[in-house]
Amino acid sequence: MKTPKKIKLFLVDDDALFLKLLEIEFHHHADFAIETFESGERCIENLSHNPDIIVLDYHLNGIDKNAINGIETLDKIKSYNSKIPVIMLSSQDKIEVAVDCMHHNAFDYIVKSETAFVRLQKVITSFFQFQKMERELNWYMSRM
């Protein structure tokens, strides 16, 4: 019997505590292969590991002011592989920030709050359900 492939999830945040909390939540509630990174640079260095989805903090230069920020990281991810869905996280609840992320081809934007993990789970689940339906539809259409 074939075991289902785990979804490879990259979590990227310079807040070590928040990053660890996310990792624990994802390990506890779902079956993911998770890699965590505290900088955009480290995430980019490891894109060859072929993540299925990336959760990326908007502000990645809070600790190291010379580090690239979330938008720069997003742009580099998209130039590496435009098909990798990237969900942006930020403590900023500003429409301009969300719009900026979407202009840079983020899949979604979620505000860090007490409901952020639940929203992340829903977005990731929806994305992979849609992807599965799309594959099934393509398979069906190829048989016609």
C-alpha atoms as a PDB file:
ATOM      1  CA  MET A   1       0.000   0.000   0.000  1.00  0.00           C
ATOM      2  CA  LYS A   2       1.310   3.399  -0.974  1.00  0.00           C
ATOM      3  CA  THR A   3       1.703   5.849   1.921  1.00  0.00           C
ATOM      4  CA  PRO A   4       0.661   9.407   1.148  1.00  0.00           C
ATOM      5  CA  LYS A   5       3.493  11.853   0.603  1.00  0.00           C
ATOM      6  CA  LYS A   6       3.912  14.332   3.420  1.00  0.00           C
ATOM      7  CA  ILE A   7       3.485  17.965   2.486  1.00  0.00           C
ATOM      8  CA  LYS A   8       6.870  19.694   2.755  1.00  0.00           C
ATOM      9  CA  LEU A   9       6.306  22.921   4.658  1.00  0.00           C
ATOM     10  CA  PHE A  10       8.864  25.698   5.128  1.00  0.00           C
ATOM     11  CA  LEU A  11       8.267  28.037   8.084  1.00  0.00           C
ATOM     12  CA  VAL A  12      10.271  31.278   7.973  1.00  0.00           C
ATOM     13  CA  ASP A  13      10.237  33.797  10.825  1.00  0.00           C
ATOM     14  CA  ASP A  14      12.952  35.700  12.696  1.00  0.00           C
ATOM     15  CA  ASP A  15      10.954  35.483  15.928  1.00  0.00           C
ATOM     16  CA  ALA A  16      12.345  32.205  17.318  1.00  0.00           C
ATOM     17  CA  LEU A  17       9.504  31.764  19.814  1.00  0.00           C
ATOM     18  CA  PHE A  18       6.751  32.283  17.240  1.00  0.00           C
ATOM     19  CA  LEU A  19       8.602  30.025  14.789  1.00  0.00           C
ATOM     20  CA  LYS A  20       8.805  27.236  17.382  1.00  0.00           C
ATOM     21  CA  LEU A  21       5.128  27.654  18.282  1.00  0.00           C
ATOM     22  CA  LEU A  22       4.169  27.331  14.607  1.00  0.00           C
ATOM     23  CA  GLU A  23       6.342  24.257  14.214  1.00  0.00           C
ATOM     24  CA  ILE A  24       4.799  22.612  17.287  1.00  0.00           C
ATOM     25  CA  GLU A  25       1.264  23.422  16.144  1.00  0.00           C
ATOM     26  CA  PHE A  26       1.838  21.987  12.678  1.00  0.00           C
ATOM     27  CA  HIS A  27       3.473  18.840  14.084  1.00  0.00           C
ATOM     28  CA  HIS A  28       0.630  18.432  16.560  1.00  0.00           C
ATOM     29  CA  HIS A  29      -2.292  18.983  14.184  1.00  0.00           C
ATOM     30  CA  ALA A  30      -1.117  17.666  10.832  1.00  0.00           C
ATOM     31  CA  ASP A  31       1.328  15.376   9.119  1.00  0.00           C
ATOM     32  CA  PHE A  32       3.869  17.705   7.513  1.00  0.00           C
ATOM     33  CA  ALA A  33       7.569  17.458   6.774  1.00  0.00           C
ATOM     34  CA  ILE A  34       8.638  20.772   8.296  1.00  0.00           C
ATOM     35  CA  GLU A  35      11.802  22.805   7.874  1.00  0.00           C
ATOM     36  CA  THR A  36      12.214  26.036   9.836  1.00  0.00           C
ATOM     37  CA  PHE A  37      14.378  29.032   9.028  1.00  0.00           C
ATOM     38  CA  GLU A  38      15.065  32.228  10.975  1.00  0.00           C
ATOM     39  CA  SER A  39      15.996  34.248   7.896  1.00  0.00           C
ATOM     40  CA  GLY A  40      14.981  34.676   4.303  1.00  0.00           C
ATOM     41  CA  GLU A  41      18.548  33.970   3.263  1.00  0.00           C
ATOM     42  CA  ARG A  42      18.483  30.514   4.893  1.00  0.00           C
ATOM     43  CA  CYS A  43      15.135  29.747   3.294  1.00  0.00           C
ATOM     44  CA  ILE A  44      16.447  30.680  -0.152  1.00  0.00           C
ATOM     45  CA  GLU A  45      19.595  28.582   0.377  1.00  0.00           C
ATOM     46  CA  ASN A  46      17.354  25.551   0.953  1.00  0.00           C
ATOM     47  CA  LEU A  47      14.828  25.942  -1.865  1.00  0.00           C
ATOM     48  CA  SER A  48      16.446  22.945  -3.558  1.00  0.00           C
ATOM     49  CA  HIS A  49      14.636  20.857  -0.893  1.00  0.00           C
ATOM     50  CA  ASN A  50      11.505  21.603  -2.962  1.00  0.00           C
ATOM     51  CA  PRO A  51       8.949  22.850  -0.446  1.00  0.00           C
ATOM     52  CA  ASP A  52       5.291  22.337  -1.319  1.00  0.00           C
ATOM     53  CA  ILE A  53       4.321  25.509   0.510  1.00  0.00           C
ATOM     54  CA  ILE A  54       6.053  28.283   2.465  1.00  0.00           C
ATOM     55  CA  VAL A  55       4.794  30.352   5.395  1.00  0.00           C
ATOM     56  CA  LEU A  56       6.865  33.534   5.419  1.00  0.00           C
ATOM     57  CA  ASP A  57       7.067  36.432   7.867  1.00  0.00           C
ATOM     58  CA  TYR A  58       6.692  39.887   6.317  1.00  0.00           C
ATOM     59  CA  HIS A  59       9.356  41.435   8.585  1.00  0.00           C
ATOM     60  CA  LEU A  60      12.433  39.245   8.605  1.00  0.00           C
ATOM     61  CA  ASN A  61      14.926  41.926   9.486  1.00  0.00           C
ATOM     62  CA  GLY A  62      13.756  42.642  13.027  1.00  0.00           C
ATOM     63  CA  ILE A  63      16.869  41.102  14.598  1.00  0.00           C
ATOM     64  CA  ASP A  64      19.437  41.616  11.830  1.00  0.00           C
ATOM     65  CA  LYS A  65      18.808  44.954  10.125  1.00  0.00           C
ATOM     66  CA  ASN A  66      20.945  43.823   7.149  1.00  0.00           C
ATOM     67  CA  ALA A  67      18.804  40.728   6.529  1.00  0.00           C
ATOM     68  CA  ILE A  68      16.459  40.717   3.566  1.00  0.00           C
ATOM     69  CA  ASN A  69      12.820  41.284   4.434  1.00  0.00           C
ATOM     70  CA  GLY A  70       9.823  39.110   3.631  1.00  0.00           C
ATOM     71  CA  ILE A  71       8.971  40.817   0.345  1.00  0.00           C
ATOM     72  CA  GLU A  72      12.543  40.456  -0.941  1.00  0.00           C
ATOM     73  CA  THR A  73      12.493  36.816   0.142  1.00  0.00           C
ATOM     74  CA  LEU A  74       9.138  36.309  -1.573  1.00  0.00           C
ATOM     75  CA  ASP A  75      10.503  37.788  -4.806  1.00  0.00           C
ATOM     76  CA  LYS A  76      13.536  35.468  -4.688  1.00  0.00           C
ATOM     77  CA  ILE A  77      11.337  32.437  -4.013  1.00  0.00           C
ATOM     78  CA  LYS A  78       9.098  33.344  -6.946  1.00  0.00           C
ATOM     79  CA  SER A  79      12.087  33.851  -9.248  1.00  0.00           C
ATOM     80  CA  TYR A  80      13.375  30.408  -8.190  1.00  0.00           C
ATOM     81  CA  ASN A  81       9.986  28.725  -8.718  1.00  0.00           C
ATOM     82  CA  SER A  82       6.883  30.806  -9.350  1.00  0.00           C
ATOM     83  CA  LYS A  83       4.597  27.855  -8.556  1.00  0.00           C
ATOM     84  CA  ILE A  84       5.537  27.569  -4.867  1.00  0.00           C
ATOM     85  CA  PRO A  85       2.622  29.016  -2.872  1.00  0.00           C
ATOM     86  CA  VAL A  86       3.803  31.479  -0.235  1.00  0.00           C
ATOM     87  CA  ILE A  87       1.568  32.570   2.628  1.00  0.00           C
ATOM     88  CA  MET A  88       2.722  35.820   4.171  1.00  0.00           C
ATOM     89  CA  LEU A  89       2.398  36.425   7.918  1.00  0.00           C
ATOM     90  CA  SER A  90       2.600  39.789   9.601  1.00  0.00           C
ATOM     91  CA  SER A  91       1.651  41.450  12.843  1.00  0.00           C
ATOM     92  CA  GLN A  92       0.500  44.413  10.749  1.00  0.00           C
ATOM     93  CA  ASP A  93      -3.232  44.508  10.188  1.00  0.00           C
ATOM     94  CA  LYS A  94      -2.979  47.010   7.329  1.00  0.00           C
ATOM     95  CA  ILE A  95      -4.628  46.558   3.958  1.00  0.00           C
ATOM     96  CA  GLU A  96      -1.648  48.223   2.232  1.00  0.00           C
ATOM     97  CA  VAL A  97       0.683  45.512   3.530  1.00  0.00           C
ATOM     98  CA  ALA A  98      -1.671  42.737   2.378  1.00  0.00           C
ATOM     99  CA  VAL A  99      -2.029  44.356  -1.059  1.00  0.00           C
ATOM    100  CA  ASP A 100       1.750  44.733  -1.332  1.00  0.00           C
ATOM    101  CA  CYS A 101       2.178  41.023  -0.626  1.00  0.00           C
ATOM    102  CA  MET A 102      -0.425  40.088  -3.208  1.00  0.00           C
ATOM    103  CA  HIS A 103       1.272  42.329  -5.797  1.00  0.00           C
ATOM    104  CA  HIS A 104       4.409  40.271  -5.210  1.00  0.00           C
ATOM    105  CA  ASN A 105       2.432  37.064  -5.898  1.00  0.00           C
ATOM    106  CA  ALA A 106       1.857  35.838  -2.361  1.00  0.00           C
ATOM    107  CA  PHE A 107      -0.825  33.158  -2.213  1.00  0.00           C
ATOM    108  CA  ASP A 108      -2.414  34.705   0.875  1.00  0.00           C
ATOM    109  CA  TYR A 109      -1.813  37.137   3.728  1.00  0.00           C
ATOM    110  CA  ILE A 110      -2.558  36.326   7.355  1.00  0.00           C
ATOM    111  CA  VAL A 111      -2.262  38.631  10.332  1.00  0.00           C
ATOM    112  CA  LYS A 112      -0.433  37.181  13.343  1.00  0.00           C
ATOM    113  CA  SER A 113      -3.073  36.813  16.010  1.00  0.00           C
ATOM    114  CA  GLU A 114      -4.585  34.182  18.260  1.00  0.00           C
ATOM    115  CA  THR A 115      -6.425  32.767  15.211  1.00  0.00           C
ATOM    116  CA  ALA A 116      -3.431  32.801  12.828  1.00  0.00           C
ATOM    117  CA  PHE A 117      -2.686  29.092  13.114  1.00  0.00           C
ATOM    118  CA  VAL A 118      -6.310  28.100  12.423  1.00  0.00           C
ATOM    119  CA  ARG A 119      -6.377  30.390   9.391  1.00  0.00           C
ATOM    120  CA  LEU A 120      -3.058  28.965   8.153  1.00  0.00           C
ATOM    121  CA  GLN A 121      -4.423  25.436   8.473  1.00  0.00           C
ATOM    122  CA  LYS A 122      -7.557  26.354   6.517  1.00  0.00           C
ATOM    123  CA  VAL A 123      -5.633  28.087   3.736  1.00  0.00           C
ATOM    124  CA  ILE A 124      -3.147  25.221   3.375  1.00  0.00           C
ATOM    125  CA  THR A 125      -5.892  22.581   3.436  1.00  0.00           C
ATOM    126  CA  SER A 126      -7.932  24.505   0.861  1.00  0.00           C
ATOM    127  CA  PHE A 127      -4.912  24.916  -1.401  1.00  0.00           C
ATOM    128  CA  PHE A 128      -4.121  21.196  -1.455  1.00  0.00           C
ATOM    129  CA  GLN A 129      -7.780  20.198  -1.844  1.00  0.00           C
ATOM    130  CA  PHE A 130      -8.059  22.531  -4.831  1.00  0.00           C
ATOM    131  CA  GLN A 131      -4.819  21.164  -6.282  1.00  0.00           C
ATOM    132  CA  LYS A 132      -6.138  17.597  -5.938  1.00  0.00           C
ATOM    133  CA  MET A 133      -9.435  18.514  -7.618  1.00  0.00           C
ATOM    134  CA  GLU A 134      -7.543  20.219 -10.416  1.00  0.00           C
ATOM    135  CA  ARG A 135      -5.433  17.072 -11.013  1.00  0.00           C
ATOM    136  CA  GLU A 136      -8.546  14.887 -11.025  1.00  0.00           C
ATOM    137  CA  LEU A 137     -10.302  17.203 -13.450  1.00  0.00           C
ATOM    138  CA  ASN A 138      -7.265  17.205 -15.758  1.00  0.00           C
ATOM    139  CA  TRP A 139      -7.138  13.410 -15.595  1.00  0.00           C
ATOM    140  CA  TYR A 140     -10.851  13.185 -16.390  1.00  0.00           C
ATOM    141  CA  MET A 141     -10.592  15.698 -19.264  1.00  0.00           C
ATOM    142  CA  SER A 142      -7.653  13.791 -20.767  1.00  0.00           C
ATOM    143  CA  ARG A 143      -9.847  10.675 -20.922  1.00  0.00           C
ATOM    144  CA  MET A 144     -12.582  12.358 -22.963  1.00  0.00           C
END
